[in-house]
Amino acid sequence: MIFQYMLAPIEDTSDNTLRTLCHRYGADVTFTEMARFDSLARKNASTWRKIEIVDSTPAYVQIVGQDEQKLKRFLSMYQPPEAFLGFNFNLGCPSPALTSHGLGCAMIKRIAKTKKLVQIVKSHGYNCSIKMRLGLNKFEKEKKVYLHLLNAVDADFFVIHSRIASDTYEQPADFSVYPQCVASGRRIIANGDITTQEHVAQLRKMGVQGIMIGRPAVRDPTIFNKLKDLPVPDVEQVIKEYLALAEQFNSRFKYRKNVLKRLGKPVGSIYEHVYG
């Protein structure tokens, strides 16, 4: 299996413009921002726009929800474009707006429900993966609920953001969990605090089959080529390319604002944000 470099799904940020730019500079695959499939089932126009794939940049569509009938309704309407790779379930968002309704990180312990949702997607002929954290809290991490999910759910791959929901981004991601995740026999993608070639080498030695990068890729969309030891242009050229793509894809103002206030800025600057 080829080791893959992935761009994370980032709310109000990873539209087609950023995805295409990151793909141009080494992201093998990309992900749309998270969309609620109950809203998609209701034909909410703004939610459908979140999952648009309008060029040849390969992308997974990330969805979140728990109602099986609404998932089936959405899938019956969906017409995948050529660059569509499959669906990815969000079991990682720590926002109380989701977890208070049993979604995001709160889904990690809902193994039977997650298993059903994945089976529904696969029954429609689509690839299906999961992006998750290590649990909603320290108790879930200590009980290794994430391993129970890995062993029970037949997803194509699992992106493991190695933090719990209550962790801040100042707390380091816990790389030590990856060997045991890999031992499950599942295809594991590492996510969280991956910024150097040394990090990649360390993770590859542990047996993970890919890495996913979110926040650092907004500051530097060329980071994927840098990790591959490939040449990249200067930041001024990258900004020019972003603006040209934003015009091409008619990127909405909030996406341009969220990217441009971070693009080229250092880690820990006033522009640092708490998305994953």
C-alpha atoms as a PDB file:
ATOM      1  CA  MET A   1       0.000   0.000   0.000  1.00  0.00           C
ATOM      2  CA  ILE A   2       1.365   3.412  -1.001  1.00  0.00           C
ATOM      3  CA  PHE A   3       2.060   5.798   1.880  1.00  0.00           C
ATOM      4  CA  GLN A   4      -0.265   8.781   1.421  1.00  0.00           C
ATOM      5  CA  TYR A   5      -0.124  12.432   2.399  1.00  0.00           C
ATOM      6  CA  MET A   6      -3.595  13.816   3.156  1.00  0.00           C
ATOM      7  CA  LEU A   7      -5.070  17.277   3.650  1.00  0.00           C
ATOM      8  CA  ALA A   8      -7.457  17.329   6.619  1.00  0.00           C
ATOM      9  CA  PRO A   9     -11.064  18.524   6.446  1.00  0.00           C
ATOM     10  CA  ILE A  10     -11.122  22.032   7.916  1.00  0.00           C
ATOM     11  CA  GLU A  11     -14.383  23.848   8.564  1.00  0.00           C
ATOM     12  CA  ASP A  12     -14.901  27.082   6.607  1.00  0.00           C
ATOM     13  CA  THR A  13     -11.413  26.662   5.127  1.00  0.00           C
ATOM     14  CA  SER A  14     -10.852  23.537   3.014  1.00  0.00           C
ATOM     15  CA  ASP A  15     -12.980  24.378   0.008  1.00  0.00           C
ATOM     16  CA  ASN A  16     -11.971  23.428  -3.515  1.00  0.00           C
ATOM     17  CA  THR A  17      -9.469  26.308  -3.663  1.00  0.00           C
ATOM     18  CA  LEU A  18      -7.330  25.177  -0.732  1.00  0.00           C
ATOM     19  CA  ARG A  19      -7.715  21.506  -1.652  1.00  0.00           C
ATOM     20  CA  THR A  20      -6.475  22.118  -5.186  1.00  0.00           C
ATOM     21  CA  LEU A  21      -3.540  24.239  -4.036  1.00  0.00           C
ATOM     22  CA  CYS A  22      -2.440  21.607  -1.495  1.00  0.00           C
ATOM     23  CA  HIS A  23      -2.830  18.850  -4.079  1.00  0.00           C
ATOM     24  CA  ARG A  24      -0.660  20.871  -6.445  1.00  0.00           C
ATOM     25  CA  TYR A  25       2.061  20.820  -3.782  1.00  0.00           C
ATOM     26  CA  GLY A  26       2.018  17.226  -2.691  1.00  0.00           C
ATOM     27  CA  ALA A  27      -1.242  16.324  -0.931  1.00  0.00           C
ATOM     28  CA  ASP A  28      -2.120  12.966  -2.492  1.00  0.00           C
ATOM     29  CA  VAL A  29      -5.743  13.166  -1.404  1.00  0.00           C
ATOM     30  CA  THR A  30      -7.946  15.806   0.209  1.00  0.00           C
ATOM     31  CA  PHE A  31     -11.144  15.979   2.250  1.00  0.00           C
ATOM     32  CA  THR A  32     -14.102  18.338   2.085  1.00  0.00           C
ATOM     33  CA  GLU A  33     -15.122  20.125   5.241  1.00  0.00           C
ATOM     34  CA  MET A  34     -17.594  18.310   7.477  1.00  0.00           C
ATOM     35  CA  ALA A  35     -21.246  18.311   6.409  1.00  0.00           C
ATOM     36  CA  ARG A  36     -24.253  17.006   8.337  1.00  0.00           C
ATOM     37  CA  PHE A  37     -25.973  14.366   6.278  1.00  0.00           C
ATOM     38  CA  ASP A  38     -29.378  15.165   7.785  1.00  0.00           C
ATOM     39  CA  SER A  39     -29.046  18.632   6.222  1.00  0.00           C
ATOM     40  CA  LEU A  40     -27.940  17.042   2.964  1.00  0.00           C
ATOM     41  CA  ALA A  41     -30.995  14.785   3.079  1.00  0.00           C
ATOM     42  CA  ARG A  42     -33.172  17.904   3.444  1.00  0.00           C
ATOM     43  CA  LYS A  43     -31.500  19.343   0.324  1.00  0.00           C
ATOM     44  CA  ASN A  44     -30.035  22.296   2.217  1.00  0.00           C
ATOM     45  CA  ALA A  45     -28.220  24.245  -0.513  1.00  0.00           C
ATOM     46  CA  SER A  46     -25.423  25.669   1.658  1.00  0.00           C
ATOM     47  CA  THR A  47     -24.636  22.214   3.047  1.00  0.00           C
ATOM     48  CA  TRP A  48     -24.532  20.685  -0.420  1.00  0.00           C
ATOM     49  CA  ARG A  49     -22.109  23.413  -1.473  1.00  0.00           C
ATOM     50  CA  LYS A  50     -19.727  22.285   1.288  1.00  0.00           C
ATOM     51  CA  ILE A  51     -19.232  18.940  -0.437  1.00  0.00           C
ATOM     52  CA  GLU A  52     -18.799  20.222  -3.989  1.00  0.00           C
ATOM     53  CA  ILE A  53     -15.858  18.804  -5.913  1.00  0.00           C
ATOM     54  CA  VAL A  54     -15.515  20.931  -9.027  1.00  0.00           C
ATOM     55  CA  ASP A  55     -12.186  19.897 -10.531  1.00  0.00           C
ATOM     56  CA  SER A  56      -9.919  16.853 -10.757  1.00  0.00           C
ATOM     57  CA  THR A  57      -8.453  17.190  -7.236  1.00  0.00           C
ATOM     58  CA  PRO A  58      -9.110  13.817  -5.540  1.00  0.00           C
ATOM     59  CA  ALA A  59     -11.327  14.261  -2.499  1.00  0.00           C
ATOM     60  CA  TYR A  60     -13.223  12.348   0.144  1.00  0.00           C
ATOM     61  CA  VAL A  61     -16.497  13.843   1.352  1.00  0.00           C
ATOM     62  CA  GLN A  62     -16.650  14.080   5.143  1.00  0.00           C
ATOM     63  CA  ILE A  63     -20.055  13.650   6.747  1.00  0.00           C
ATOM     64  CA  VAL A  64     -21.445  13.510  10.269  1.00  0.00           C
ATOM     65  CA  GLY A  65     -24.735  12.267  11.681  1.00  0.00           C
ATOM     66  CA  GLN A  66     -26.525   9.286  13.217  1.00  0.00           C
ATOM     67  CA  ASP A  67     -29.934   8.884  11.550  1.00  0.00           C
ATOM     68  CA  GLU A  68     -29.682   5.857   9.269  1.00  0.00           C
ATOM     69  CA  GLN A  69     -32.743   6.728   7.189  1.00  0.00           C
ATOM     70  CA  LYS A  70     -31.469  10.249   6.529  1.00  0.00           C
ATOM     71  CA  LEU A  71     -28.120   8.821   5.469  1.00  0.00           C
ATOM     72  CA  LYS A  72     -29.887   6.491   3.038  1.00  0.00           C
ATOM     73  CA  ARG A  73     -31.966   9.387   1.698  1.00  0.00           C
ATOM     74  CA  PHE A  74     -28.855  11.488   1.097  1.00  0.00           C
ATOM     75  CA  LEU A  75     -26.992   8.632  -0.593  1.00  0.00           C
ATOM     76  CA  SER A  76     -29.939   8.001  -2.895  1.00  0.00           C
ATOM     77  CA  MET A  77     -29.603  11.606  -4.141  1.00  0.00           C
ATOM     78  CA  TYR A  78     -25.831  11.851  -4.369  1.00  0.00           C
ATOM     79  CA  GLN A  79     -24.198  11.801  -7.804  1.00  0.00           C
ATOM     80  CA  PRO A  80     -20.434  11.451  -7.298  1.00  0.00           C
ATOM     81  CA  PRO A  81     -18.150  13.513  -9.543  1.00  0.00           C
ATOM     82  CA  GLU A  82     -15.133  11.878 -11.175  1.00  0.00           C
ATOM     83  CA  ALA A  83     -12.669  13.039  -8.499  1.00  0.00           C
ATOM     84  CA  PHE A  84     -14.786  11.668  -5.614  1.00  0.00           C
ATOM     85  CA  LEU A  85     -12.941   8.983  -3.626  1.00  0.00           C
ATOM     86  CA  GLY A  86     -15.490   8.008  -0.986  1.00  0.00           C
ATOM     87  CA  PHE A  87     -17.091   9.122   2.260  1.00  0.00           C
ATOM     88  CA  ASN A  88     -15.404   9.792   5.581  1.00  0.00           C
ATOM     89  CA  PHE A  89     -17.308   9.789   8.875  1.00  0.00           C
ATOM     90  CA  ASN A  90     -16.351  12.439  11.425  1.00  0.00           C
ATOM     91  CA  LEU A  91     -15.866  10.853  14.854  1.00  0.00           C
ATOM     92  CA  GLY A  92     -13.327  13.430  15.898  1.00  0.00           C
ATOM     93  CA  CYS A  93     -14.935  16.855  16.256  1.00  0.00           C
ATOM     94  CA  PRO A  94     -14.732  17.937  19.933  1.00  0.00           C
ATOM     95  CA  SER A  95     -17.276  20.765  19.646  1.00  0.00           C
ATOM     96  CA  PRO A  96     -20.044  20.591  22.282  1.00  0.00           C
ATOM     97  CA  ALA A  97     -22.452  21.569  19.501  1.00  0.00           C
ATOM     98  CA  LEU A  98     -21.918  18.033  18.183  1.00  0.00           C
ATOM     99  CA  THR A  99     -20.917  15.990  21.223  1.00  0.00           C
ATOM    100  CA  SER A 100     -23.959  17.139  23.211  1.00  0.00           C
ATOM    101  CA  HIS A 101     -26.061  15.419  20.542  1.00  0.00           C
ATOM    102  CA  GLY A 102     -24.004  12.240  20.556  1.00  0.00           C
ATOM    103  CA  LEU A 103     -22.018  13.185  17.444  1.00  0.00           C
ATOM    104  CA  GLY A 104     -18.348  13.851  16.701  1.00  0.00           C
ATOM    105  CA  CYS A 105     -16.131  12.467  19.480  1.00  0.00           C
ATOM    106  CA  ALA A 106     -19.196  11.171  21.301  1.00  0.00           C
ATOM    107  CA  MET A 107     -19.652   8.603  18.522  1.00  0.00           C
ATOM    108  CA  ILE A 108     -16.413   6.759  19.302  1.00  0.00           C
ATOM    109  CA  LYS A 109     -18.101   4.628  21.961  1.00  0.00           C
ATOM    110  CA  ARG A 110     -21.199   4.109  19.784  1.00  0.00           C
ATOM    111  CA  ILE A 111     -19.639   1.206  17.972  1.00  0.00           C
ATOM    112  CA  ALA A 112     -22.806  -0.580  16.826  1.00  0.00           C
ATOM    113  CA  LYS A 113     -24.219   2.653  15.371  1.00  0.00           C
ATOM    114  CA  THR A 114     -20.960   3.480  13.603  1.00  0.00           C
ATOM    115  CA  LYS A 115     -20.780  -0.021  12.183  1.00  0.00           C
ATOM    116  CA  LYS A 116     -24.310   0.333  10.731  1.00  0.00           C
ATOM    117  CA  LEU A 117     -23.552   3.709   9.170  1.00  0.00           C
ATOM    118  CA  VAL A 118     -20.408   2.380   7.490  1.00  0.00           C
ATOM    119  CA  GLN A 119     -22.317  -0.644   6.203  1.00  0.00           C
ATOM    120  CA  ILE A 120     -24.981   1.623   4.700  1.00  0.00           C
ATOM    121  CA  VAL A 121     -22.376   3.637   2.785  1.00  0.00           C
ATOM    122  CA  LYS A 122     -20.662   0.483   1.534  1.00  0.00           C
ATOM    123  CA  SER A 123     -23.994  -1.047   0.502  1.00  0.00           C
ATOM    124  CA  HIS A 124     -24.358   1.881  -1.906  1.00  0.00           C
ATOM    125  CA  GLY A 125     -21.037   0.953  -3.510  1.00  0.00           C
ATOM    126  CA  TYR A 126     -18.886   3.703  -1.984  1.00  0.00           C
ATOM    127  CA  ASN A 127     -15.577   3.564  -0.114  1.00  0.00           C
ATOM    128  CA  CYS A 128     -15.932   4.556   3.531  1.00  0.00           C
ATOM    129  CA  SER A 129     -13.371   5.661   6.121  1.00  0.00           C
ATOM    130  CA  ILE A 130     -13.390   7.162   9.616  1.00  0.00           C
ATOM    131  CA  LYS A 131     -11.597  10.138  11.181  1.00  0.00           C
ATOM    132  CA  MET A 132     -11.530   9.899  14.964  1.00  0.00           C
ATOM    133  CA  ARG A 133      -9.833  10.947  18.181  1.00  0.00           C
ATOM    134  CA  LEU A 134      -8.809   8.739  21.106  1.00  0.00           C
ATOM    135  CA  GLY A 135     -12.016   9.393  23.000  1.00  0.00           C
ATOM    136  CA  LEU A 136     -14.254  12.022  24.486  1.00  0.00           C
ATOM    137  CA  ASN A 137     -12.242  12.073  27.716  1.00  0.00           C
ATOM    138  CA  LYS A 138      -9.311  10.470  29.553  1.00  0.00           C
ATOM    139  CA  PHE A 139     -11.488   7.614  30.800  1.00  0.00           C
ATOM    140  CA  GLU A 140     -12.389   6.563  27.245  1.00  0.00           C
ATOM    141  CA  LYS A 141      -8.745   6.767  26.198  1.00  0.00           C
ATOM    142  CA  GLU A 142      -7.612   4.688  29.177  1.00  0.00           C
ATOM    143  CA  LYS A 143     -10.291   2.090  28.396  1.00  0.00           C
ATOM    144  CA  LYS A 144      -9.033   2.083  24.794  1.00  0.00           C
ATOM    145  CA  VAL A 145     -12.493   2.578  23.343  1.00  0.00           C
ATOM    146  CA  TYR A 146     -10.795   3.649  20.108  1.00  0.00           C
ATOM    147  CA  LEU A 147      -9.285   0.166  19.754  1.00  0.00           C
ATOM    148  CA  HIS A 148     -12.689  -1.448  20.229  1.00  0.00           C
ATOM    149  CA  LEU A 149     -13.957   0.681  17.337  1.00  0.00           C
ATOM    150  CA  LEU A 150     -10.982  -0.215  15.144  1.00  0.00           C
ATOM    151  CA  ASN A 151     -11.525  -3.928  15.736  1.00  0.00           C
ATOM    152  CA  ALA A 152     -15.297  -3.855  15.181  1.00  0.00           C
ATOM    153  CA  VAL A 153     -15.843  -1.521  12.229  1.00  0.00           C
ATOM    154  CA  ASP A 154     -14.921  -2.496   8.674  1.00  0.00           C
ATOM    155  CA  ALA A 155     -13.810   0.883   7.351  1.00  0.00           C
ATOM    156  CA  ASP A 156     -11.291   1.256   4.514  1.00  0.00           C
ATOM    157  CA  PHE A 157      -8.941   3.245   6.737  1.00  0.00           C
ATOM    158  CA  PHE A 158      -8.933   5.111  10.036  1.00  0.00           C
ATOM    159  CA  VAL A 159      -7.459   8.569  10.510  1.00  0.00           C
ATOM    160  CA  ILE A 160      -6.412   8.757  14.155  1.00  0.00           C
ATOM    161  CA  HIS A 161      -6.025  12.242  15.600  1.00  0.00           C
ATOM    162  CA  SER A 162      -4.057  11.258  18.676  1.00  0.00           C
ATOM    163  CA  ARG A 163      -5.736  13.548  21.182  1.00  0.00           C
ATOM    164  CA  ILE A 164      -8.920  13.329  23.253  1.00  0.00           C
ATOM    165  CA  ALA A 165     -11.726  15.845  22.870  1.00  0.00           C
ATOM    166  CA  SER A 166     -10.713  17.904  25.897  1.00  0.00           C
ATOM    167  CA  ASP A 167      -7.079  18.279  24.798  1.00  0.00           C
ATOM    168  CA  THR A 168      -6.005  21.691  23.583  1.00  0.00           C
ATOM    169  CA  TYR A 169      -3.603  22.146  20.686  1.00  0.00           C
ATOM    170  CA  GLU A 170      -0.952  23.224  23.163  1.00  0.00           C
ATOM    171  CA  GLN A 171      -0.962  19.651  24.468  1.00  0.00           C
ATOM    172  CA  PRO A 172       1.167  17.399  22.234  1.00  0.00           C
ATOM    173  CA  ALA A 173      -0.438  14.657  20.179  1.00  0.00           C
ATOM    174  CA  ASP A 174       0.240  11.194  21.615  1.00  0.00           C
ATOM    175  CA  PHE A 175       2.216   9.291  18.971  1.00  0.00           C
ATOM    176  CA  SER A 176       2.625   6.344  21.375  1.00  0.00           C
ATOM    177  CA  VAL A 177      -0.847   5.008  20.530  1.00  0.00           C
ATOM    178  CA  TYR A 178      -0.028   4.245  16.901  1.00  0.00           C
ATOM    179  CA  PRO A 179       1.788   0.898  17.217  1.00  0.00           C
ATOM    180  CA  GLN A 180      -1.204  -0.644  18.988  1.00  0.00           C
ATOM    181  CA  CYS A 181      -3.573   0.866  16.410  1.00  0.00           C
ATOM    182  CA  VAL A 182      -1.459  -0.590  13.610  1.00  0.00           C
ATOM    183  CA  ALA A 183      -1.483  -3.973  15.381  1.00  0.00           C
ATOM    184  CA  SER A 184      -5.265  -4.070  14.852  1.00  0.00           C
ATOM    185  CA  GLY A 185      -4.533  -4.872  11.208  1.00  0.00           C
ATOM    186  CA  ARG A 186      -6.404  -1.794  10.003  1.00  0.00           C
ATOM    187  CA  ARG A 187      -4.985   0.820   7.686  1.00  0.00           C
ATOM    188  CA  ILE A 188      -3.997   3.671  10.019  1.00  0.00           C
ATOM    189  CA  ILE A 189      -3.406   7.304   9.038  1.00  0.00           C
ATOM    190  CA  ALA A 190      -1.721   9.510  11.666  1.00  0.00           C
ATOM    191  CA  ASN A 191      -3.014  13.026  12.375  1.00  0.00           C
ATOM    192  CA  GLY A 192      -1.879  15.732  14.799  1.00  0.00           C
ATOM    193  CA  ASP A 193       1.397  17.673  15.236  1.00  0.00           C
ATOM    194  CA  ILE A 194       3.039  16.299  12.074  1.00  0.00           C
ATOM    195  CA  THR A 195       5.291  19.031  10.688  1.00  0.00           C
ATOM    196  CA  THR A 196       8.738  17.592   9.931  1.00  0.00           C
ATOM    197  CA  GLN A 197      10.375  14.840   7.912  1.00  0.00           C
ATOM    198  CA  GLU A 198      11.525  13.372  11.240  1.00  0.00           C
ATOM    199  CA  HIS A 199       7.900  13.073  12.370  1.00  0.00           C
ATOM    200  CA  VAL A 200       7.030  11.274   9.141  1.00  0.00           C
ATOM    201  CA  ALA A 201       9.977   8.894   9.477  1.00  0.00           C
ATOM    202  CA  GLN A 202       9.030   8.133  13.079  1.00  0.00           C
ATOM    203  CA  LEU A 203       5.426   7.390  12.142  1.00  0.00           C
ATOM    204  CA  ARG A 204       6.355   5.278   9.123  1.00  0.00           C
ATOM    205  CA  LYS A 205       8.598   3.200  11.366  1.00  0.00           C
ATOM    206  CA  MET A 206       5.563   2.571  13.583  1.00  0.00           C
ATOM    207  CA  GLY A 207       3.692   1.181  10.593  1.00  0.00           C
ATOM    208  CA  VAL A 208       1.148   3.872   9.806  1.00  0.00           C
ATOM    209  CA  GLN A 209       0.247   4.048   6.120  1.00  0.00           C
ATOM    210  CA  GLY A 210      -0.188   7.770   5.760  1.00  0.00           C
ATOM    211  CA  ILE A 211      -0.316  11.132   7.478  1.00  0.00           C
ATOM    212  CA  MET A 212      -2.958  13.852   7.560  1.00  0.00           C
ATOM    213  CA  ILE A 213      -2.147  17.532   8.023  1.00  0.00           C
ATOM    214  CA  GLY A 214      -4.608  20.332   8.799  1.00  0.00           C
ATOM    215  CA  ARG A 215      -3.541  23.582  10.470  1.00  0.00           C
ATOM    216  CA  PRO A 216       0.076  23.574   9.217  1.00  0.00           C
ATOM    217  CA  ALA A 217      -1.158  23.169   5.634  1.00  0.00           C
ATOM    218  CA  VAL A 218      -3.204  26.364   5.862  1.00  0.00           C
ATOM    219  CA  ARG A 219      -0.118  28.275   6.960  1.00  0.00           C
ATOM    220  CA  ASP A 220       1.951  26.512   4.294  1.00  0.00           C
ATOM    221  CA  PRO A 221       0.104  24.618   1.526  1.00  0.00           C
ATOM    222  CA  THR A 222       3.474  23.413   0.196  1.00  0.00           C
ATOM    223  CA  ILE A 223       4.223  21.447   3.378  1.00  0.00           C
ATOM    224  CA  PHE A 224       3.425  18.140   1.682  1.00  0.00           C
ATOM    225  CA  ASN A 225       6.160  18.604  -0.927  1.00  0.00           C
ATOM    226  CA  LYS A 226       8.528  19.793   1.802  1.00  0.00           C
ATOM    227  CA  LEU A 227       7.919  16.563   3.713  1.00  0.00           C
ATOM    228  CA  LYS A 228       8.593  14.660   0.486  1.00  0.00           C
ATOM    229  CA  ASP A 229      11.809  16.654   0.027  1.00  0.00           C
ATOM    230  CA  LEU A 230      10.558  18.216  -3.201  1.00  0.00           C
ATOM    231  CA  PRO A 231      11.124  21.832  -4.332  1.00  0.00           C
ATOM    232  CA  VAL A 232       8.532  24.511  -3.525  1.00  0.00           C
ATOM    233  CA  PRO A 233       8.015  28.177  -4.484  1.00  0.00           C
ATOM    234  CA  ASP A 234       8.225  31.119  -2.070  1.00  0.00           C
ATOM    235  CA  VAL A 235       5.206  32.223  -0.066  1.00  0.00           C
ATOM    236  CA  GLU A 236       4.454  35.196  -2.332  1.00  0.00           C
ATOM    237  CA  GLN A 237       4.007  32.846  -5.281  1.00  0.00           C
ATOM    238  CA  VAL A 238       1.796  30.538  -3.219  1.00  0.00           C
ATOM    239  CA  ILE A 239      -0.438  33.446  -2.227  1.00  0.00           C
ATOM    240  CA  LYS A 240      -0.748  34.479  -5.883  1.00  0.00           C
ATOM    241  CA  GLU A 241      -1.733  30.960  -6.824  1.00  0.00           C
ATOM    242  CA  TYR A 242      -4.284  30.791  -4.012  1.00  0.00           C
ATOM    243  CA  LEU A 243      -5.900  34.052  -5.135  1.00  0.00           C
ATOM    244  CA  ALA A 244      -6.042  32.884  -8.751  1.00  0.00           C
ATOM    245  CA  LEU A 245      -7.695  29.622  -7.746  1.00  0.00           C
ATOM    246  CA  ALA A 246     -10.122  31.471  -5.467  1.00  0.00           C
ATOM    247  CA  GLU A 247     -11.241  33.512  -8.463  1.00  0.00           C
ATOM    248  CA  GLN A 248     -11.453  30.415 -10.660  1.00  0.00           C
ATOM    249  CA  PHE A 249     -13.636  28.551  -8.177  1.00  0.00           C
ATOM    250  CA  ASN A 250     -15.550  31.615  -6.960  1.00  0.00           C
ATOM    251  CA  SER A 251     -14.448  30.881  -3.410  1.00  0.00           C
ATOM    252  CA  ARG A 252     -16.673  32.471  -0.789  1.00  0.00           C
ATOM    253  CA  PHE A 253     -15.337  35.396   1.239  1.00  0.00           C
ATOM    254  CA  LYS A 254     -15.176  33.544   4.574  1.00  0.00           C
ATOM    255  CA  TYR A 255     -12.939  30.860   3.049  1.00  0.00           C
ATOM    256  CA  ARG A 256     -10.582  33.406   1.525  1.00  0.00           C
ATOM    257  CA  LYS A 257     -10.470  35.326   4.814  1.00  0.00           C
ATOM    258  CA  ASN A 258      -9.753  32.220   6.888  1.00  0.00           C
ATOM    259  CA  VAL A 259      -6.923  31.117   4.614  1.00  0.00           C
ATOM    260  CA  LEU A 260      -5.302  34.450   3.814  1.00  0.00           C
ATOM    261  CA  LYS A 261      -5.009  35.552   7.443  1.00  0.00           C
ATOM    262  CA  ARG A 262      -3.014  32.372   8.136  1.00  0.00           C
ATOM    263  CA  LEU A 263      -1.148  31.667   4.904  1.00  0.00           C
ATOM    264  CA  GLY A 264       2.528  32.357   5.491  1.00  0.00           C
ATOM    265  CA  LYS A 265       2.093  33.085   9.200  1.00  0.00           C
ATOM    266  CA  PRO A 266       4.303  31.268  11.745  1.00  0.00           C
ATOM    267  CA  VAL A 267       3.115  28.676  14.240  1.00  0.00           C
ATOM    268  CA  GLY A 268       1.882  30.287  17.434  1.00  0.00           C
ATOM    269  CA  SER A 269       1.054  33.609  15.782  1.00  0.00           C
ATOM    270  CA  ILE A 270      -2.068  35.585  16.654  1.00  0.00           C
ATOM    271  CA  TYR A 271      -3.672  33.893  13.662  1.00  0.00           C
ATOM    272  CA  GLU A 272      -3.423  30.412  15.189  1.00  0.00           C
ATOM    273  CA  HIS A 273      -6.834  28.753  15.381  1.00  0.00           C
ATOM    274  CA  VAL A 274      -8.166  25.626  17.031  1.00  0.00           C
ATOM    275  CA  TYR A 275      -9.314  23.559  14.121  1.00  0.00           C
ATOM    276  CA  GLY A 276      -7.917  20.090  13.468  1.00  0.00           C
END
